[in-house]
Amino acid sequence: MLARWESEPTAVQMVLSGPAALSPHHGHAIGEQISYLAQEFDGTRPGSYLHLASALVQNRDADVFAAVTDIVTWDEYANPDWLETPRLPVAVPAGHILVGGVLHSVSSVE
């Protein structure tokens, strides 16, 4: 699935960033492409989710936390309480927020 990245339209690439981020061992193969796409959408809601996906794929916990902390301030579907679960790695709630956000945002990408 991830091997098809280059042949897929932008909206499908955005959707593919979700599973890639949730499985960084496999998703790392397209980490640079996700980062590039995030830069293309920088300053937009889809770009925020792509930056989160990029940080998850690259196992950058501080960047994951920063991205998800920002997202919960404006994403009406994301619950900020998810970030305060004790002893839960930040990647878990971040992955949940990412998947929901990607699915809600993909309709705004052509």
N, C-alpha and C. Protein backbone atom coordinates (compact mmCIF):
# COMPACT_ATOMS: atom_id res chain seq x y z
N MET A 1 0.82 -1.18 0.00
CA MET A 1 0.00 0.00 0.00
C MET A 1 0.87 1.26 0.00
N LEU A 2 1.86 1.31 0.88
CA LEU A 2 2.71 2.49 0.95
C LEU A 2 3.61 2.62 -0.27
N ALA A 3 3.86 1.51 -0.96
CA ALA A 3 4.70 1.54 -2.15
C ALA A 3 4.03 2.33 -3.28
N ARG A 4 2.74 2.53 -3.21
CA ARG A 4 2.00 3.26 -4.24
C ARG A 4 1.96 4.76 -3.99
N TRP A 5 2.61 5.23 -2.97
CA TRP A 5 2.54 6.64 -2.57
C TRP A 5 2.68 7.59 -3.75
N GLU A 6 3.74 7.44 -4.54
CA GLU A 6 4.03 8.38 -5.63
C GLU A 6 2.95 8.40 -6.70
N SER A 7 2.24 7.31 -6.88
CA SER A 7 1.24 7.25 -7.94
C SER A 7 -0.15 7.69 -7.48
N GLU A 8 -0.30 8.01 -6.22
CA GLU A 8 -1.61 8.36 -5.67
C GLU A 8 -1.82 9.87 -5.65
N PRO A 9 -3.08 10.31 -5.79
CA PRO A 9 -3.36 11.74 -5.67
C PRO A 9 -3.16 12.21 -4.22
N THR A 10 -3.10 13.50 -4.05
CA THR A 10 -2.82 14.09 -2.75
C THR A 10 -3.76 13.61 -1.65
N ALA A 11 -5.05 13.55 -1.94
CA ALA A 11 -6.01 13.13 -0.91
C ALA A 11 -5.72 11.71 -0.43
N VAL A 12 -5.34 10.84 -1.34
CA VAL A 12 -5.02 9.46 -0.96
C VAL A 12 -3.70 9.43 -0.19
N GLN A 13 -2.75 10.25 -0.58
CA GLN A 13 -1.49 10.33 0.17
C GLN A 13 -1.76 10.76 1.60
N MET A 14 -2.68 11.72 1.77
CA MET A 14 -3.01 12.15 3.11
C MET A 14 -3.59 11.00 3.92
N VAL A 15 -4.48 10.24 3.33
CA VAL A 15 -5.06 9.09 4.02
C VAL A 15 -3.98 8.07 4.35
N LEU A 16 -3.07 7.82 3.43
CA LEU A 16 -1.99 6.86 3.66
C LEU A 16 -1.04 7.30 4.78
N SER A 17 -0.97 8.61 5.03
CA SER A 17 -0.09 9.07 6.10
C SER A 17 -0.56 8.56 7.46
N GLY A 18 -1.85 8.31 7.60
CA GLY A 18 -2.38 7.80 8.87
C GLY A 18 -1.84 6.43 9.24
N PRO A 19 -2.07 5.41 8.38
CA PRO A 19 -1.52 4.08 8.71
C PRO A 19 0.00 4.08 8.80
N ALA A 20 0.65 4.90 7.97
CA ALA A 20 2.11 4.98 8.04
C ALA A 20 2.56 5.48 9.41
N ALA A 21 1.86 6.49 9.92
CA ALA A 21 2.22 7.06 11.22
C ALA A 21 1.92 6.11 12.36
N LEU A 22 0.89 5.29 12.20
CA LEU A 22 0.53 4.34 13.26
C LEU A 22 1.43 3.12 13.27
N SER A 23 2.17 2.93 12.21
CA SER A 23 3.11 1.82 12.12
C SER A 23 4.46 2.36 11.64
N PRO A 24 5.17 3.10 12.51
CA PRO A 24 6.39 3.77 12.09
C PRO A 24 7.46 2.85 11.52
N HIS A 25 7.47 1.61 11.97
CA HIS A 25 8.47 0.68 11.42
C HIS A 25 8.30 0.55 9.91
N HIS A 26 7.07 0.44 9.45
CA HIS A 26 6.80 0.34 8.02
C HIS A 26 6.67 1.73 7.38
N GLY A 27 6.07 2.65 8.11
CA GLY A 27 5.83 3.99 7.57
C GLY A 27 7.07 4.82 7.37
N HIS A 28 8.15 4.46 8.05
CA HIS A 28 9.40 5.21 7.92
C HIS A 28 9.85 5.30 6.46
N ALA A 29 9.48 4.32 5.66
CA ALA A 29 9.87 4.30 4.24
C ALA A 29 9.34 5.51 3.48
N ILE A 30 8.22 6.07 3.92
CA ILE A 30 7.67 7.25 3.24
C ILE A 30 7.71 8.48 4.14
N GLY A 31 8.52 8.43 5.17
CA GLY A 31 8.63 9.55 6.11
C GLY A 31 9.00 10.86 5.45
N GLU A 32 9.95 10.83 4.52
CA GLU A 32 10.36 12.06 3.84
C GLU A 32 9.22 12.60 2.96
N GLN A 33 8.49 11.72 2.31
CA GLN A 33 7.38 12.15 1.47
C GLN A 33 6.27 12.79 2.32
N ILE A 34 6.02 12.22 3.50
CA ILE A 34 5.01 12.81 4.40
C ILE A 34 5.47 14.20 4.84
N SER A 35 6.75 14.34 5.17
CA SER A 35 7.29 15.64 5.57
C SER A 35 7.15 16.66 4.45
N TYR A 36 7.44 16.25 3.24
CA TYR A 36 7.33 17.14 2.08
C TYR A 36 5.87 17.58 1.89
N LEU A 37 4.94 16.64 1.98
CA LEU A 37 3.53 16.95 1.83
C LEU A 37 3.07 17.88 2.96
N ALA A 38 3.58 17.66 4.16
CA ALA A 38 3.25 18.53 5.30
C ALA A 38 3.69 19.96 5.02
N GLN A 39 4.85 20.12 4.40
CA GLN A 39 5.34 21.47 4.06
C GLN A 39 4.44 22.13 3.01
N GLU A 40 3.94 21.34 2.06
CA GLU A 40 3.04 21.88 1.04
C GLU A 40 1.76 22.43 1.66
N PHE A 41 1.30 21.81 2.74
CA PHE A 41 0.05 22.21 3.40
C PHE A 41 0.29 22.95 4.70
N ASP A 42 1.52 23.44 4.90
CA ASP A 42 1.86 24.14 6.14
C ASP A 42 0.90 25.31 6.36
N GLY A 43 0.46 25.47 7.61
CA GLY A 43 -0.45 26.56 7.94
C GLY A 43 -1.92 26.24 7.75
N THR A 44 -2.21 24.99 7.36
CA THR A 44 -3.59 24.57 7.18
C THR A 44 -3.89 23.42 8.14
N ARG A 45 -5.17 23.12 8.30
CA ARG A 45 -5.53 21.99 9.16
C ARG A 45 -4.98 20.68 8.61
N PRO A 46 -5.14 20.40 7.31
CA PRO A 46 -4.53 19.17 6.79
C PRO A 46 -3.01 19.14 7.04
N GLY A 47 -2.37 20.30 6.92
CA GLY A 47 -0.94 20.37 7.17
C GLY A 47 -0.59 20.03 8.61
N SER A 48 -1.44 20.43 9.54
CA SER A 48 -1.19 20.11 10.95
C SER A 48 -1.21 18.60 11.18
N TYR A 49 -2.18 17.93 10.55
CA TYR A 49 -2.24 16.47 10.69
C TYR A 49 -1.05 15.80 9.99
N LEU A 50 -0.63 16.35 8.88
CA LEU A 50 0.53 15.79 8.19
C LEU A 50 1.81 16.01 9.00
N HIS A 51 1.94 17.16 9.65
CA HIS A 51 3.10 17.38 10.53
C HIS A 51 3.08 16.38 11.69
N LEU A 52 1.89 16.12 12.22
CA LEU A 52 1.76 15.12 13.28
C LEU A 52 2.15 13.74 12.76
N ALA A 53 1.67 13.38 11.58
CA ALA A 53 2.03 12.08 10.99
C ALA A 53 3.53 11.98 10.78
N SER A 54 4.14 13.04 10.30
CA SER A 54 5.58 13.04 10.08
C SER A 54 6.34 12.83 11.39
N ALA A 55 5.92 13.51 12.43
CA ALA A 55 6.58 13.35 13.74
C ALA A 55 6.39 11.94 14.29
N LEU A 56 5.20 11.37 14.10
CA LEU A 56 4.96 9.99 14.56
C LEU A 56 5.83 9.00 13.80
N VAL A 57 5.89 9.15 12.49
CA VAL A 57 6.70 8.23 11.66
C VAL A 57 8.16 8.28 12.06
N GLN A 58 8.63 9.47 12.42
CA GLN A 58 10.04 9.65 12.76
C GLN A 58 10.31 9.51 14.26
N ASN A 59 9.28 9.09 15.03
CA ASN A 59 9.42 8.86 16.48
C ASN A 59 9.98 10.06 17.22
N ARG A 60 9.50 11.25 16.86
CA ARG A 60 9.93 12.49 17.52
C ARG A 60 8.84 12.89 18.53
N ASP A 61 8.92 12.32 19.74
CA ASP A 61 7.87 12.51 20.74
C ASP A 61 7.62 13.97 21.10
N ALA A 62 8.66 14.77 21.20
CA ALA A 62 8.46 16.19 21.54
C ALA A 62 7.66 16.89 20.45
N ASP A 63 7.96 16.59 19.19
CA ASP A 63 7.22 17.18 18.08
C ASP A 63 5.80 16.63 18.00
N VAL A 64 5.63 15.35 18.33
CA VAL A 64 4.29 14.75 18.39
C VAL A 64 3.46 15.49 19.42
N PHE A 65 4.02 15.68 20.61
CA PHE A 65 3.28 16.34 21.68
C PHE A 65 2.94 17.78 21.30
N ALA A 66 3.89 18.50 20.70
CA ALA A 66 3.64 19.89 20.30
C ALA A 66 2.53 19.95 19.24
N ALA A 67 2.59 19.06 18.26
CA ALA A 67 1.58 19.07 17.19
C ALA A 67 0.20 18.74 17.72
N VAL A 68 0.12 17.71 18.54
CA VAL A 68 -1.19 17.29 19.04
C VAL A 68 -1.74 18.29 20.05
N THR A 69 -0.89 18.92 20.81
CA THR A 69 -1.33 19.95 21.75
C THR A 69 -1.96 21.12 21.00
N ASP A 70 -1.38 21.48 19.87
CA ASP A 70 -1.96 22.53 19.04
C ASP A 70 -3.29 22.08 18.44
N ILE A 71 -3.33 20.88 17.90
CA ILE A 71 -4.53 20.38 17.22
C ILE A 71 -5.74 20.36 18.14
N VAL A 72 -5.55 19.94 19.38
CA VAL A 72 -6.72 19.84 20.28
C VAL A 72 -7.31 21.20 20.63
N THR A 73 -6.60 22.29 20.33
CA THR A 73 -7.16 23.62 20.61
C THR A 73 -8.20 24.02 19.58
N TRP A 74 -8.17 23.42 18.38
CA TRP A 74 -9.14 23.81 17.34
C TRP A 74 -9.93 22.65 16.74
N ASP A 75 -9.52 21.43 16.95
CA ASP A 75 -10.24 20.28 16.39
C ASP A 75 -11.37 19.90 17.34
N GLU A 76 -12.59 20.14 16.91
CA GLU A 76 -13.74 19.88 17.76
C GLU A 76 -13.96 18.41 18.05
N TYR A 77 -13.32 17.52 17.29
CA TYR A 77 -13.45 16.08 17.51
C TYR A 77 -12.40 15.53 18.46
N ALA A 78 -11.36 16.31 18.72
CA ALA A 78 -10.25 15.85 19.57
C ALA A 78 -10.49 16.29 21.01
N ASN A 79 -10.35 15.37 21.92
CA ASN A 79 -10.55 15.65 23.33
C ASN A 79 -9.19 15.89 23.99
N PRO A 80 -8.94 17.08 24.52
CA PRO A 80 -7.64 17.35 25.14
C PRO A 80 -7.34 16.45 26.34
N ASP A 81 -8.38 15.90 26.96
CA ASP A 81 -8.16 14.99 28.09
C ASP A 81 -7.42 13.73 27.68
N TRP A 82 -7.48 13.38 26.40
CA TRP A 82 -6.78 12.19 25.92
C TRP A 82 -5.27 12.32 26.14
N LEU A 83 -4.78 13.55 26.19
CA LEU A 83 -3.33 13.76 26.36
C LEU A 83 -2.88 13.61 27.79
N GLU A 84 -3.82 13.53 28.72
CA GLU A 84 -3.47 13.50 30.14
C GLU A 84 -3.65 12.12 30.77
N THR A 85 -3.68 11.10 29.96
CA THR A 85 -3.81 9.74 30.48
C THR A 85 -2.45 9.31 31.04
N PRO A 86 -2.39 9.00 32.33
CA PRO A 86 -1.09 8.65 32.93
C PRO A 86 -0.49 7.38 32.32
N ARG A 87 0.81 7.41 32.19
CA ARG A 87 1.61 6.26 31.74
C ARG A 87 1.27 5.79 30.32
N LEU A 88 0.58 6.59 29.56
CA LEU A 88 0.25 6.24 28.18
C LEU A 88 1.18 7.01 27.26
N PRO A 89 1.92 6.32 26.40
CA PRO A 89 2.81 7.05 25.47
C PRO A 89 2.02 8.04 24.63
N VAL A 90 2.59 9.19 24.38
CA VAL A 90 1.90 10.25 23.64
C VAL A 90 1.47 9.78 22.24
N ALA A 91 2.17 8.81 21.69
CA ALA A 91 1.83 8.32 20.36
C ALA A 91 0.44 7.69 20.31
N VAL A 92 -0.05 7.16 21.41
CA VAL A 92 -1.36 6.49 21.42
C VAL A 92 -2.49 7.50 21.22
N PRO A 93 -2.63 8.51 22.10
CA PRO A 93 -3.70 9.48 21.84
C PRO A 93 -3.45 10.28 20.56
N ALA A 94 -2.19 10.53 20.25
CA ALA A 94 -1.87 11.27 19.02
C ALA A 94 -2.33 10.49 17.79
N GLY A 95 -2.14 9.19 17.81
CA GLY A 95 -2.60 8.36 16.69
C GLY A 95 -4.10 8.41 16.54
N HIS A 96 -4.80 8.40 17.65
CA HIS A 96 -6.26 8.49 17.62
C HIS A 96 -6.71 9.83 17.04
N ILE A 97 -6.09 10.89 17.48
CA ILE A 97 -6.41 12.23 16.98
C ILE A 97 -6.06 12.35 15.51
N LEU A 98 -4.93 11.77 15.11
CA LEU A 98 -4.50 11.82 13.71
C LEU A 98 -5.50 11.14 12.80
N VAL A 99 -5.91 9.94 13.14
CA VAL A 99 -6.82 9.19 12.27
C VAL A 99 -8.14 9.95 12.11
N GLY A 100 -8.69 10.42 13.22
CA GLY A 100 -9.93 11.18 13.13
C GLY A 100 -9.77 12.45 12.30
N GLY A 101 -8.67 13.13 12.51
CA GLY A 101 -8.43 14.38 11.77
C GLY A 101 -8.21 14.17 10.29
N VAL A 102 -7.46 13.15 9.95
CA VAL A 102 -7.22 12.86 8.53
C VAL A 102 -8.54 12.53 7.83
N LEU A 103 -9.36 11.73 8.46
CA LEU A 103 -10.62 11.35 7.85
C LEU A 103 -11.55 12.56 7.69
N HIS A 104 -11.53 13.49 8.64
CA HIS A 104 -12.37 14.68 8.53
C HIS A 104 -11.78 15.71 7.58
N SER A 105 -10.47 15.73 7.42
CA SER A 105 -9.82 16.75 6.60
C SER A 105 -9.70 16.38 5.13
N VAL A 106 -9.69 15.11 4.85
CA VAL A 106 -9.39 14.68 3.49
C VAL A 106 -10.40 15.23 2.48
N SER A 107 -11.60 15.52 2.90
CA SER A 107 -12.61 16.05 1.96
C SER A 107 -12.26 17.45 1.49
N SER A 108 -11.37 18.15 2.21
CA SER A 108 -10.99 19.50 1.79
C SER A 108 -9.77 19.53 0.88
N VAL A 109 -9.22 18.36 0.57
CA VAL A 109 -8.03 18.27 -0.28
C VAL A 109 -8.43 17.72 -1.63
N GLU A 110 -7.97 18.36 -2.68
CA GLU A 110 -8.31 17.86 -4.02
C GLU A 110 -7.31 16.83 -4.49
